[in-house]
Amino acid sequence: MVIKNVNLETVCGITSKMPENSLIEFAFAGKSNVGKSSLINGLMNRKSLARTSAQPGKTQTINFYNINEQCYFVDLPGYGYTTANVNVKEQWGKMVERYLRRTKMLKLIFLLVDIRHEPSANDKTMYEWMVHYGFQPVIIATKLDKIKRSQVEKQVKAIRTGLQAGKDAVIIPWSSMTKQGKEEIYALMDQYLERSSL
């Protein structure tokens, strides 16, 4: 994949109607502060189109980025933000559930998990949720630059075990500094883009 044009096309809040897109969608989900905006910016070759913030939980909308008039990157709201009140958390959950239930163009969903820690209860719930809706999430193990190379295999195994993901589940370690993992993610997307163009 060579990204030439990126456009933030649609922003959906809690009461917004979801767009009926004709291009395929790749969605990104993860808890607040897992590095989702950094991943999306890295994949789009942009520094700050997806907003990064020192304040976790900044993304409270579903953002649709049109990529090359070819597909969409869909940035889902971060979950597990501890200072958000219960009502707001429920609304975020309903918004994501509504998207997963109604989208017809979502081909691949990426679940971001911090490689330094075992998956949280929220991570496990989100993974189970995605599988329940018929998706086979690709797990992105973020913050790769924060651990030693010798720890990577052990931590990837801990994520697989913690999520109870089968041996066929794809786990890609990602570094926002070196962009390690970028080509593997692009390769997965390209498979779907090639099929859609046939």
N, C-alpha and C. Protein backbone atom coordinates (compact mmCIF):
# COMPACT_ATOMS: atom_id res chain seq x y z
N MET A 1 0.84 -1.19 0.00
CA MET A 1 0.00 0.00 0.00
C MET A 1 0.87 1.25 0.00
N VAL A 2 0.59 2.16 -0.92
CA VAL A 2 1.26 3.46 -0.95
C VAL A 2 0.19 4.51 -0.70
N ILE A 3 0.31 5.22 0.42
CA ILE A 3 -0.72 6.20 0.77
C ILE A 3 -0.36 7.57 0.21
N LYS A 4 -1.23 8.05 -0.67
CA LYS A 4 -1.00 9.35 -1.32
C LYS A 4 -1.93 10.42 -0.78
N ASN A 5 -3.20 10.06 -0.59
CA ASN A 5 -4.19 11.03 -0.16
C ASN A 5 -4.94 10.53 1.07
N VAL A 6 -5.07 11.41 2.06
CA VAL A 6 -5.80 11.09 3.29
C VAL A 6 -6.76 12.24 3.58
N ASN A 7 -8.00 11.89 3.90
CA ASN A 7 -8.99 12.91 4.18
C ASN A 7 -9.90 12.45 5.32
N LEU A 8 -9.97 13.24 6.40
CA LEU A 8 -10.92 12.93 7.46
C LEU A 8 -12.30 13.29 6.93
N GLU A 9 -13.04 12.28 6.56
CA GLU A 9 -14.27 12.50 5.79
C GLU A 9 -15.52 12.59 6.67
N THR A 10 -15.61 11.72 7.70
CA THR A 10 -16.82 11.68 8.53
C THR A 10 -16.44 11.51 9.99
N VAL A 11 -17.11 12.28 10.85
CA VAL A 11 -16.94 12.16 12.30
C VAL A 11 -18.32 11.87 12.90
N CYS A 12 -18.45 10.72 13.55
CA CYS A 12 -19.73 10.30 14.11
C CYS A 12 -19.71 10.37 15.63
N GLY A 13 -20.64 11.13 16.19
CA GLY A 13 -20.81 11.18 17.64
C GLY A 13 -21.84 10.16 18.08
N ILE A 14 -22.22 10.25 19.33
CA ILE A 14 -23.11 9.27 19.93
C ILE A 14 -24.46 9.20 19.22
N THR A 15 -24.98 10.36 18.78
CA THR A 15 -26.31 10.38 18.14
C THR A 15 -26.23 10.41 16.61
N SER A 16 -25.03 10.40 16.06
CA SER A 16 -24.88 10.51 14.61
C SER A 16 -25.32 9.24 13.89
N LYS A 17 -25.78 9.44 12.67
CA LYS A 17 -26.08 8.30 11.80
C LYS A 17 -24.78 7.82 11.18
N MET A 18 -24.58 6.50 11.17
CA MET A 18 -23.35 5.95 10.59
C MET A 18 -23.39 6.09 9.06
N PRO A 19 -22.27 6.43 8.45
CA PRO A 19 -22.25 6.55 6.99
C PRO A 19 -22.40 5.19 6.31
N GLU A 20 -23.01 5.19 5.16
CA GLU A 20 -23.11 3.95 4.37
C GLU A 20 -22.06 4.02 3.27
N ASN A 21 -20.86 3.61 3.64
CA ASN A 21 -19.73 3.74 2.72
C ASN A 21 -19.74 2.64 1.66
N SER A 22 -19.18 2.98 0.52
CA SER A 22 -19.09 1.99 -0.57
C SER A 22 -17.67 1.44 -0.67
N LEU A 23 -16.74 2.01 0.10
CA LEU A 23 -15.36 1.52 0.11
C LEU A 23 -15.15 0.65 1.35
N ILE A 24 -14.22 -0.28 1.26
CA ILE A 24 -14.00 -1.18 2.40
C ILE A 24 -13.37 -0.42 3.57
N GLU A 25 -13.60 -0.94 4.76
CA GLU A 25 -13.16 -0.28 5.99
C GLU A 25 -12.21 -1.17 6.78
N PHE A 26 -11.21 -0.52 7.38
CA PHE A 26 -10.30 -1.16 8.32
C PHE A 26 -10.43 -0.39 9.64
N ALA A 27 -10.86 -1.06 10.70
CA ALA A 27 -11.12 -0.36 11.96
C ALA A 27 -10.02 -0.62 12.98
N PHE A 28 -9.84 0.35 13.88
CA PHE A 28 -8.81 0.29 14.92
C PHE A 28 -9.46 0.53 16.27
N ALA A 29 -9.25 -0.40 17.20
CA ALA A 29 -9.83 -0.29 18.53
C ALA A 29 -8.76 -0.54 19.57
N GLY A 30 -8.92 0.06 20.73
CA GLY A 30 -7.97 -0.17 21.81
C GLY A 30 -8.30 0.73 22.98
N LYS A 31 -7.76 0.37 24.14
CA LYS A 31 -8.04 1.19 25.31
C LYS A 31 -7.34 2.54 25.18
N SER A 32 -7.83 3.50 25.94
CA SER A 32 -7.22 4.82 25.96
C SER A 32 -5.75 4.69 26.35
N ASN A 33 -4.90 5.46 25.73
CA ASN A 33 -3.45 5.56 25.93
C ASN A 33 -2.67 4.35 25.44
N VAL A 34 -3.27 3.50 24.60
CA VAL A 34 -2.54 2.34 24.07
C VAL A 34 -1.69 2.72 22.85
N GLY A 35 -1.90 3.93 22.34
CA GLY A 35 -1.11 4.39 21.19
C GLY A 35 -1.84 4.26 19.87
N LYS A 36 -3.18 4.33 19.91
CA LYS A 36 -3.96 4.13 18.68
C LYS A 36 -3.76 5.27 17.67
N SER A 37 -3.80 6.52 18.18
CA SER A 37 -3.60 7.65 17.27
C SER A 37 -2.21 7.62 16.65
N SER A 38 -1.22 7.23 17.45
CA SER A 38 0.16 7.15 16.92
C SER A 38 0.26 6.09 15.84
N LEU A 39 -0.43 4.96 16.02
CA LEU A 39 -0.43 3.90 15.01
C LEU A 39 -1.09 4.40 13.73
N ILE A 40 -2.26 5.00 13.84
CA ILE A 40 -2.99 5.46 12.66
C ILE A 40 -2.19 6.53 11.92
N ASN A 41 -1.61 7.47 12.66
CA ASN A 41 -0.77 8.49 12.02
C ASN A 41 0.42 7.85 11.32
N GLY A 42 1.01 6.84 11.96
CA GLY A 42 2.16 6.15 11.36
C GLY A 42 1.79 5.45 10.08
N LEU A 43 0.63 4.82 10.07
CA LEU A 43 0.18 4.12 8.85
C LEU A 43 -0.19 5.10 7.74
N MET A 44 -0.72 6.27 8.13
CA MET A 44 -1.13 7.27 7.14
C MET A 44 0.03 8.15 6.70
N ASN A 45 1.21 7.96 7.33
CA ASN A 45 2.37 8.80 7.04
C ASN A 45 2.08 10.27 7.34
N ARG A 46 1.33 10.49 8.40
CA ARG A 46 1.03 11.85 8.85
C ARG A 46 1.47 11.99 10.30
N LYS A 47 1.83 13.20 10.68
CA LYS A 47 2.33 13.39 12.04
C LYS A 47 1.20 13.53 13.05
N SER A 48 0.13 14.21 12.69
CA SER A 48 -0.88 14.49 13.72
C SER A 48 -2.30 14.62 13.18
N LEU A 49 -2.62 13.90 12.11
CA LEU A 49 -3.98 13.97 11.60
C LEU A 49 -4.94 13.30 12.59
N ALA A 50 -4.58 12.09 13.03
CA ALA A 50 -5.32 11.47 14.14
C ALA A 50 -4.77 12.09 15.41
N ARG A 51 -5.66 12.64 16.23
CA ARG A 51 -5.20 13.43 17.37
C ARG A 51 -4.59 12.56 18.47
N THR A 52 -3.35 12.89 18.82
CA THR A 52 -2.73 12.25 19.98
C THR A 52 -2.82 13.25 21.12
N SER A 53 -2.85 12.74 22.32
CA SER A 53 -3.03 13.63 23.46
C SER A 53 -2.39 13.05 24.70
N ALA A 54 -1.92 13.95 25.55
CA ALA A 54 -1.41 13.52 26.85
C ALA A 54 -2.58 13.12 27.75
N GLN A 55 -3.77 13.51 27.33
CA GLN A 55 -4.98 13.17 28.09
C GLN A 55 -5.66 11.99 27.43
N PRO A 56 -5.58 10.79 28.02
CA PRO A 56 -6.22 9.63 27.41
C PRO A 56 -7.72 9.83 27.26
N GLY A 57 -8.29 9.13 26.29
CA GLY A 57 -9.74 9.20 26.09
C GLY A 57 -10.15 10.35 25.20
N LYS A 58 -9.19 10.92 24.45
CA LYS A 58 -9.48 12.08 23.60
C LYS A 58 -10.47 11.73 22.49
N THR A 59 -10.31 10.53 21.91
CA THR A 59 -11.20 10.13 20.82
C THR A 59 -12.53 9.68 21.39
N GLN A 60 -13.56 10.51 21.27
CA GLN A 60 -14.89 10.17 21.76
C GLN A 60 -15.87 10.09 20.60
N THR A 61 -15.34 10.01 19.41
CA THR A 61 -16.16 9.88 18.20
C THR A 61 -15.58 8.75 17.36
N ILE A 62 -16.36 8.33 16.36
CA ILE A 62 -15.84 7.38 15.37
C ILE A 62 -15.42 8.21 14.15
N ASN A 63 -14.15 8.14 13.82
CA ASN A 63 -13.60 8.97 12.75
C ASN A 63 -13.27 8.12 11.53
N PHE A 64 -13.77 8.54 10.37
CA PHE A 64 -13.57 7.81 9.12
C PHE A 64 -12.58 8.59 8.24
N TYR A 65 -11.41 8.00 8.02
CA TYR A 65 -10.39 8.60 7.17
C TYR A 65 -10.41 7.94 5.79
N ASN A 66 -10.67 8.74 4.76
CA ASN A 66 -10.66 8.23 3.39
C ASN A 66 -9.21 8.14 2.92
N ILE A 67 -8.80 6.93 2.55
CA ILE A 67 -7.41 6.69 2.13
C ILE A 67 -7.38 6.41 0.63
N ASN A 68 -6.78 7.32 -0.11
CA ASN A 68 -6.58 7.14 -1.57
C ASN A 68 -7.87 6.93 -2.35
N GLU A 69 -9.03 7.35 -1.79
CA GLU A 69 -10.33 7.05 -2.43
C GLU A 69 -10.46 5.55 -2.69
N GLN A 70 -9.84 4.76 -1.79
CA GLN A 70 -9.73 3.32 -1.99
C GLN A 70 -10.29 2.53 -0.80
N CYS A 71 -10.17 3.11 0.39
CA CYS A 71 -10.64 2.45 1.61
C CYS A 71 -10.76 3.48 2.72
N TYR A 72 -11.26 3.02 3.87
CA TYR A 72 -11.33 3.89 5.05
C TYR A 72 -10.56 3.28 6.20
N PHE A 73 -9.87 4.13 6.95
CA PHE A 73 -9.37 3.77 8.27
C PHE A 73 -10.42 4.31 9.25
N VAL A 74 -10.93 3.45 10.12
CA VAL A 74 -11.98 3.85 11.05
C VAL A 74 -11.40 3.82 12.47
N ASP A 75 -11.31 5.00 13.06
CA ASP A 75 -10.74 5.16 14.40
C ASP A 75 -11.88 5.11 15.42
N LEU A 76 -11.94 4.02 16.18
CA LEU A 76 -13.01 3.83 17.17
C LEU A 76 -12.62 4.47 18.50
N PRO A 77 -13.59 4.90 19.31
CA PRO A 77 -13.28 5.55 20.59
C PRO A 77 -12.49 4.63 21.50
N GLY A 78 -11.53 5.20 22.20
CA GLY A 78 -10.76 4.43 23.18
C GLY A 78 -11.65 4.00 24.33
N TYR A 79 -11.40 2.82 24.86
CA TYR A 79 -12.22 2.33 25.97
C TYR A 79 -11.37 2.22 27.24
N GLY A 80 -12.06 2.07 28.37
CA GLY A 80 -11.34 1.86 29.63
C GLY A 80 -10.76 3.11 30.23
N TYR A 81 -11.25 4.28 29.79
CA TYR A 81 -10.74 5.54 30.36
C TYR A 81 -11.33 5.73 31.75
N THR A 82 -10.50 5.61 32.77
CA THR A 82 -10.98 5.47 34.15
C THR A 82 -11.75 6.68 34.68
N THR A 83 -11.45 7.88 34.21
CA THR A 83 -12.12 9.05 34.79
C THR A 83 -13.42 9.40 34.05
N ALA A 84 -13.73 8.69 32.99
CA ALA A 84 -15.00 8.94 32.31
C ALA A 84 -16.14 8.38 33.17
N ASN A 85 -17.24 9.11 33.23
CA ASN A 85 -18.33 8.61 34.07
C ASN A 85 -19.04 7.43 33.41
N VAL A 86 -19.80 6.70 34.20
CA VAL A 86 -20.42 5.46 33.74
C VAL A 86 -21.32 5.70 32.54
N ASN A 87 -22.08 6.80 32.56
CA ASN A 87 -23.00 7.11 31.48
C ASN A 87 -22.26 7.31 30.16
N VAL A 88 -21.14 8.04 30.23
CA VAL A 88 -20.34 8.29 29.02
C VAL A 88 -19.76 6.97 28.50
N LYS A 89 -19.25 6.13 29.42
CA LYS A 89 -18.69 4.84 29.02
C LYS A 89 -19.75 3.98 28.31
N GLU A 90 -20.96 3.98 28.85
CA GLU A 90 -22.04 3.20 28.23
C GLU A 90 -22.36 3.71 26.84
N GLN A 91 -22.37 5.03 26.68
CA GLN A 91 -22.67 5.62 25.38
C GLN A 91 -21.58 5.26 24.36
N TRP A 92 -20.31 5.32 24.80
CA TRP A 92 -19.22 4.94 23.91
C TRP A 92 -19.39 3.49 23.46
N GLY A 93 -19.71 2.61 24.45
CA GLY A 93 -19.88 1.19 24.14
C GLY A 93 -20.98 0.96 23.14
N LYS A 94 -22.11 1.66 23.34
CA LYS A 94 -23.25 1.51 22.43
C LYS A 94 -22.89 1.99 21.02
N MET A 95 -22.09 3.07 20.96
CA MET A 95 -21.70 3.61 19.66
C MET A 95 -20.84 2.61 18.89
N VAL A 96 -19.87 2.01 19.58
CA VAL A 96 -19.00 1.02 18.93
C VAL A 96 -19.81 -0.21 18.54
N GLU A 97 -20.70 -0.65 19.42
CA GLU A 97 -21.53 -1.82 19.11
C GLU A 97 -22.41 -1.56 17.90
N ARG A 98 -22.96 -0.34 17.84
CA ARG A 98 -23.82 0.03 16.70
C ARG A 98 -23.02 -0.03 15.40
N TYR A 99 -21.78 0.44 15.46
CA TYR A 99 -20.93 0.38 14.27
C TYR A 99 -20.66 -1.06 13.86
N LEU A 100 -20.26 -1.90 14.82
CA LEU A 100 -19.92 -3.29 14.49
C LEU A 100 -21.13 -4.06 13.95
N ARG A 101 -22.30 -3.74 14.48
CA ARG A 101 -23.51 -4.45 14.06
C ARG A 101 -23.98 -4.02 12.68
N ARG A 102 -23.79 -2.74 12.36
CA ARG A 102 -24.42 -2.19 11.15
C ARG A 102 -23.49 -2.05 9.96
N THR A 103 -22.20 -1.98 10.20
CA THR A 103 -21.31 -1.79 9.07
C THR A 103 -21.34 -2.99 8.13
N LYS A 104 -21.34 -2.71 6.86
CA LYS A 104 -21.32 -3.78 5.86
C LYS A 104 -19.97 -3.85 5.16
N MET A 105 -19.15 -2.82 5.36
CA MET A 105 -17.91 -2.72 4.60
C MET A 105 -16.66 -3.01 5.44
N LEU A 106 -16.84 -3.28 6.73
CA LEU A 106 -15.68 -3.57 7.58
C LEU A 106 -15.11 -4.95 7.24
N LYS A 107 -13.88 -4.96 6.80
CA LYS A 107 -13.23 -6.21 6.40
C LYS A 107 -12.21 -6.70 7.42
N LEU A 108 -11.64 -5.77 8.18
CA LEU A 108 -10.57 -6.16 9.09
C LEU A 108 -10.58 -5.20 10.27
N ILE A 109 -10.47 -5.76 11.47
CA ILE A 109 -10.44 -4.92 12.66
C ILE A 109 -9.16 -5.21 13.44
N PHE A 110 -8.49 -4.15 13.83
CA PHE A 110 -7.23 -4.26 14.57
C PHE A 110 -7.49 -3.90 16.03
N LEU A 111 -7.12 -4.81 16.92
CA LEU A 111 -7.25 -4.57 18.35
C LEU A 111 -5.86 -4.28 18.91
N LEU A 112 -5.69 -3.11 19.48
CA LEU A 112 -4.38 -2.70 20.00
C LEU A 112 -4.28 -3.06 21.48
N VAL A 113 -3.17 -3.71 21.84
CA VAL A 113 -2.91 -4.10 23.21
C VAL A 113 -1.47 -3.71 23.54
N ASP A 114 -1.27 -3.16 24.72
CA ASP A 114 0.07 -2.74 25.16
C ASP A 114 0.94 -3.99 25.39
N ILE A 115 2.05 -4.07 24.65
CA ILE A 115 2.89 -5.27 24.71
C ILE A 115 3.55 -5.46 26.08
N ARG A 116 3.59 -4.40 26.88
CA ARG A 116 4.29 -4.47 28.18
C ARG A 116 3.48 -5.20 29.24
N HIS A 117 2.17 -5.31 29.01
CA HIS A 117 1.30 -5.86 30.06
C HIS A 117 0.41 -6.97 29.52
N GLU A 118 -0.08 -7.79 30.42
CA GLU A 118 -1.08 -8.77 30.03
C GLU A 118 -2.36 -8.02 29.68
N PRO A 119 -3.18 -8.56 28.77
CA PRO A 119 -4.42 -7.88 28.38
C PRO A 119 -5.31 -7.60 29.60
N SER A 120 -5.91 -6.42 29.61
CA SER A 120 -6.80 -6.03 30.70
C SER A 120 -8.16 -6.69 30.51
N ALA A 121 -9.00 -6.56 31.52
CA ALA A 121 -10.37 -7.10 31.42
C ALA A 121 -11.10 -6.45 30.24
N ASN A 122 -10.87 -5.15 30.04
CA ASN A 122 -11.51 -4.46 28.91
C ASN A 122 -11.00 -4.99 27.57
N ASP A 123 -9.70 -5.27 27.50
CA ASP A 123 -9.13 -5.84 26.27
C ASP A 123 -9.80 -7.18 25.95
N LYS A 124 -9.93 -8.00 26.98
CA LYS A 124 -10.54 -9.33 26.79
C LYS A 124 -11.98 -9.22 26.35
N THR A 125 -12.72 -8.30 26.99
CA THR A 125 -14.12 -8.09 26.62
C THR A 125 -14.24 -7.64 25.18
N MET A 126 -13.38 -6.70 24.78
CA MET A 126 -13.43 -6.18 23.40
C MET A 126 -13.10 -7.29 22.40
N TYR A 127 -12.11 -8.11 22.72
CA TYR A 127 -11.74 -9.21 21.82
C TYR A 127 -12.91 -10.18 21.67
N GLU A 128 -13.52 -10.55 22.80
CA GLU A 128 -14.67 -11.48 22.76
C GLU A 128 -15.83 -10.87 21.98
N TRP A 129 -16.04 -9.58 22.14
CA TRP A 129 -17.09 -8.84 21.46
C TRP A 129 -16.91 -8.93 19.95
N MET A 130 -15.67 -8.69 19.50
CA MET A 130 -15.37 -8.70 18.07
C MET A 130 -15.59 -10.10 17.48
N VAL A 131 -15.14 -11.11 18.20
CA VAL A 131 -15.33 -12.49 17.75
C VAL A 131 -16.82 -12.81 17.69
N HIS A 132 -17.57 -12.34 18.69
CA HIS A 132 -19.02 -12.55 18.73
C HIS A 132 -19.69 -11.99 17.48
N TYR A 133 -19.21 -10.86 17.00
CA TYR A 133 -19.80 -10.24 15.81
C TYR A 133 -19.21 -10.79 14.51
N GLY A 134 -18.45 -11.85 14.62
CA GLY A 134 -18.00 -12.55 13.42
C GLY A 134 -16.67 -12.09 12.85
N PHE A 135 -15.96 -11.27 13.59
CA PHE A 135 -14.67 -10.79 13.10
C PHE A 135 -13.53 -11.62 13.69
N GLN A 136 -12.42 -11.65 12.99
CA GLN A 136 -11.21 -12.29 13.49
C GLN A 136 -10.17 -11.18 13.67
N PRO A 137 -10.13 -10.57 14.84
CA PRO A 137 -9.29 -9.39 15.02
C PRO A 137 -7.80 -9.70 14.82
N VAL A 138 -7.10 -8.74 14.22
CA VAL A 138 -5.65 -8.77 14.18
C VAL A 138 -5.17 -7.97 15.38
N ILE A 139 -4.31 -8.56 16.19
CA ILE A 139 -3.86 -7.91 17.42
C ILE A 139 -2.56 -7.15 17.15
N ILE A 140 -2.57 -5.86 17.46
CA ILE A 140 -1.37 -5.04 17.33
C ILE A 140 -0.80 -4.83 18.73
N ALA A 141 0.39 -5.35 18.96
CA ALA A 141 1.06 -5.20 20.26
C ALA A 141 1.88 -3.92 20.23
N THR A 142 1.33 -2.85 20.80
CA THR A 142 1.94 -1.53 20.71
C THR A 142 3.04 -1.33 21.75
N LYS A 143 3.73 -0.20 21.60
CA LYS A 143 4.79 0.24 22.53
C LYS A 143 5.97 -0.74 22.54
N LEU A 144 6.28 -1.26 21.37
CA LEU A 144 7.38 -2.20 21.22
C LEU A 144 8.71 -1.60 21.66
N ASP A 145 8.85 -0.27 21.46
CA ASP A 145 10.13 0.36 21.82
C ASP A 145 10.34 0.44 23.33
N LYS A 146 9.31 0.11 24.10
CA LYS A 146 9.41 0.23 25.56
C LYS A 146 9.96 -1.04 26.23
N ILE A 147 10.16 -2.11 25.44
CA ILE A 147 10.69 -3.35 26.03
C ILE A 147 11.95 -3.79 25.29
N LYS A 148 12.71 -4.68 25.91
CA LYS A 148 13.91 -5.22 25.27
C LYS A 148 13.51 -6.24 24.22
N ARG A 149 14.35 -6.36 23.22
CA ARG A 149 14.08 -7.30 22.14
C ARG A 149 13.91 -8.72 22.67
N SER A 150 14.68 -9.06 23.71
CA SER A 150 14.63 -10.41 24.26
C SER A 150 13.29 -10.72 24.94
N GLN A 151 12.50 -9.68 25.24
CA GLN A 151 11.22 -9.88 25.92
C GLN A 151 10.04 -10.03 24.97
N VAL A 152 10.26 -9.73 23.69
CA VAL A 152 9.14 -9.64 22.75
C VAL A 152 8.36 -10.95 22.65
N GLU A 153 9.06 -12.05 22.44
CA GLU A 153 8.38 -13.34 22.25
C GLU A 153 7.54 -13.71 23.48
N LYS A 154 8.12 -13.49 24.66
CA LYS A 154 7.42 -13.80 25.91
C LYS A 154 6.15 -12.96 26.05
N GLN A 155 6.25 -11.66 25.73
CA GLN A 155 5.11 -10.76 25.88
C GLN A 155 4.02 -11.05 24.85
N VAL A 156 4.41 -11.39 23.64
CA VAL A 156 3.43 -11.76 22.60
C VAL A 156 2.67 -13.01 23.04
N LYS A 157 3.39 -13.95 23.62
CA LYS A 157 2.75 -15.18 24.12
C LYS A 157 1.77 -14.86 25.24
N ALA A 158 2.13 -13.92 26.12
CA ALA A 158 1.26 -13.52 27.23
C ALA A 158 -0.02 -12.88 26.70
N ILE A 159 0.10 -12.10 25.63
CA ILE A 159 -1.09 -11.48 25.03
C ILE A 159 -1.99 -12.55 24.43
N ARG A 160 -1.40 -13.48 23.70
CA ARG A 160 -2.18 -14.56 23.07
C ARG A 160 -2.93 -15.37 24.14
N THR A 161 -2.21 -15.70 25.21
CA THR A 161 -2.81 -16.48 26.29
C THR A 161 -3.90 -15.68 27.00
N GLY A 162 -3.60 -14.42 27.29
CA GLY A 162 -4.54 -13.57 28.02
C GLY A 162 -5.85 -13.35 27.28
N LEU A 163 -5.77 -13.23 25.97
CA LEU A 163 -6.98 -13.02 25.16
C LEU A 163 -7.65 -14.34 24.78
N GLN A 164 -6.97 -15.45 25.11
CA GLN A 164 -7.43 -16.78 24.69
C GLN A 164 -7.60 -16.82 23.16
N ALA A 165 -6.63 -16.18 22.50
CA ALA A 165 -6.62 -16.15 21.03
C ALA A 165 -5.96 -17.43 20.53
N GLY A 166 -6.53 -18.02 19.52
CA GLY A 166 -5.99 -19.26 18.97
C GLY A 166 -4.64 -19.07 18.32
N LYS A 167 -4.01 -20.17 17.98
CA LYS A 167 -2.68 -20.09 17.37
C LYS A 167 -2.71 -19.43 16.00
N ASP A 168 -3.91 -19.39 15.38
CA ASP A 168 -4.03 -18.76 14.07
C ASP A 168 -4.19 -17.24 14.16
N ALA A 169 -4.46 -16.73 15.35
CA ALA A 169 -4.64 -15.28 15.52
C ALA A 169 -3.33 -14.57 15.20
N VAL A 170 -3.43 -13.51 14.41
CA VAL A 170 -2.24 -12.75 14.01
C VAL A 170 -1.94 -11.69 15.07
N ILE A 171 -0.70 -11.68 15.56
CA ILE A 171 -0.24 -10.66 16.50
C ILE A 171 0.97 -9.97 15.89
N ILE A 172 0.87 -8.65 15.73
CA ILE A 172 1.95 -7.88 15.10
C ILE A 172 2.51 -6.87 16.10
N PRO A 173 3.77 -7.03 16.53
CA PRO A 173 4.39 -6.01 17.38
C PRO A 173 4.58 -4.71 16.58
N TRP A 174 4.28 -3.58 17.21
CA TRP A 174 4.34 -2.28 16.53
C TRP A 174 5.18 -1.28 17.31
N SER A 175 6.05 -0.59 16.61
CA SER A 175 6.83 0.49 17.20
C SER A 175 6.46 1.81 16.53
N SER A 176 6.01 2.78 17.31
CA SER A 176 5.66 4.09 16.74
C SER A 176 6.92 4.87 16.38
N MET A 177 8.07 4.46 16.93
CA MET A 177 9.32 5.16 16.64
C MET A 177 9.94 4.67 15.33
N THR A 178 10.06 3.35 15.18
CA THR A 178 10.72 2.81 13.98
C THR A 178 9.72 2.39 12.90
N LYS A 179 8.44 2.36 13.27
CA LYS A 179 7.36 1.89 12.37
C LYS A 179 7.48 0.40 12.06
N GLN A 180 8.18 -0.35 12.94
CA GLN A 180 8.21 -1.81 12.77
C GLN A 180 6.78 -2.33 12.87
N GLY A 181 6.41 -3.19 11.94
CA GLY A 181 5.07 -3.74 11.89
C GLY A 181 4.23 -3.14 10.78
N LYS A 182 4.69 -2.00 10.26
CA LYS A 182 3.92 -1.28 9.24
C LYS A 182 3.70 -2.12 7.98
N GLU A 183 4.75 -2.75 7.49
CA GLU A 183 4.64 -3.52 6.25
C GLU A 183 3.73 -4.73 6.42
N GLU A 184 3.77 -5.36 7.61
CA GLU A 184 2.88 -6.51 7.87
C GLU A 184 1.43 -6.07 7.85
N ILE A 185 1.15 -4.90 8.45
CA ILE A 185 -0.23 -4.38 8.47
C ILE A 185 -0.67 -4.03 7.06
N TYR A 186 0.19 -3.36 6.31
CA TYR A 186 -0.13 -3.02 4.92
C TYR A 186 -0.41 -4.28 4.10
N ALA A 187 0.39 -5.32 4.31
CA ALA A 187 0.23 -6.56 3.54
C ALA A 187 -1.15 -7.18 3.78
N LEU A 188 -1.61 -7.15 5.03
CA LEU A 188 -2.95 -7.67 5.35
C LEU A 188 -4.02 -6.85 4.65
N MET A 189 -3.87 -5.53 4.69
CA MET A 189 -4.85 -4.66 4.02
C MET A 189 -4.86 -4.87 2.52
N ASP A 190 -3.67 -5.03 1.96
CA ASP A 190 -3.57 -5.21 0.50
C ASP A 190 -4.32 -6.45 0.03
N GLN A 191 -4.35 -7.49 0.85
CA GLN A 191 -5.09 -8.70 0.48
C GLN A 191 -6.56 -8.39 0.22
N TYR A 192 -7.14 -7.58 1.09
CA TYR A 192 -8.55 -7.22 0.94
C TYR A 192 -8.76 -6.22 -0.19
N LEU A 193 -7.82 -5.30 -0.36
CA LEU A 193 -7.94 -4.31 -1.43
C LEU A 193 -7.84 -4.98 -2.81
N GLU A 194 -6.97 -5.98 -2.90
CA GLU A 194 -6.83 -6.71 -4.18
C GLU A 194 -8.11 -7.47 -4.49
N ARG A 195 -8.71 -8.11 -3.47
CA ARG A 195 -9.95 -8.85 -3.69
C ARG A 195 -11.08 -7.92 -4.11
N SER A 196 -11.14 -6.72 -3.49
CA SER A 196 -12.24 -5.80 -3.79
C SER A 196 -12.13 -5.20 -5.18
N SER A 197 -10.92 -5.22 -5.74
CA SER A 197 -10.73 -4.62 -7.07
C SER A 197 -10.94 -5.62 -8.20
N LEU A 198 -11.15 -6.90 -7.84
CA LEU A 198 -11.35 -7.92 -8.88
C LEU A 198 -12.73 -7.80 -9.52
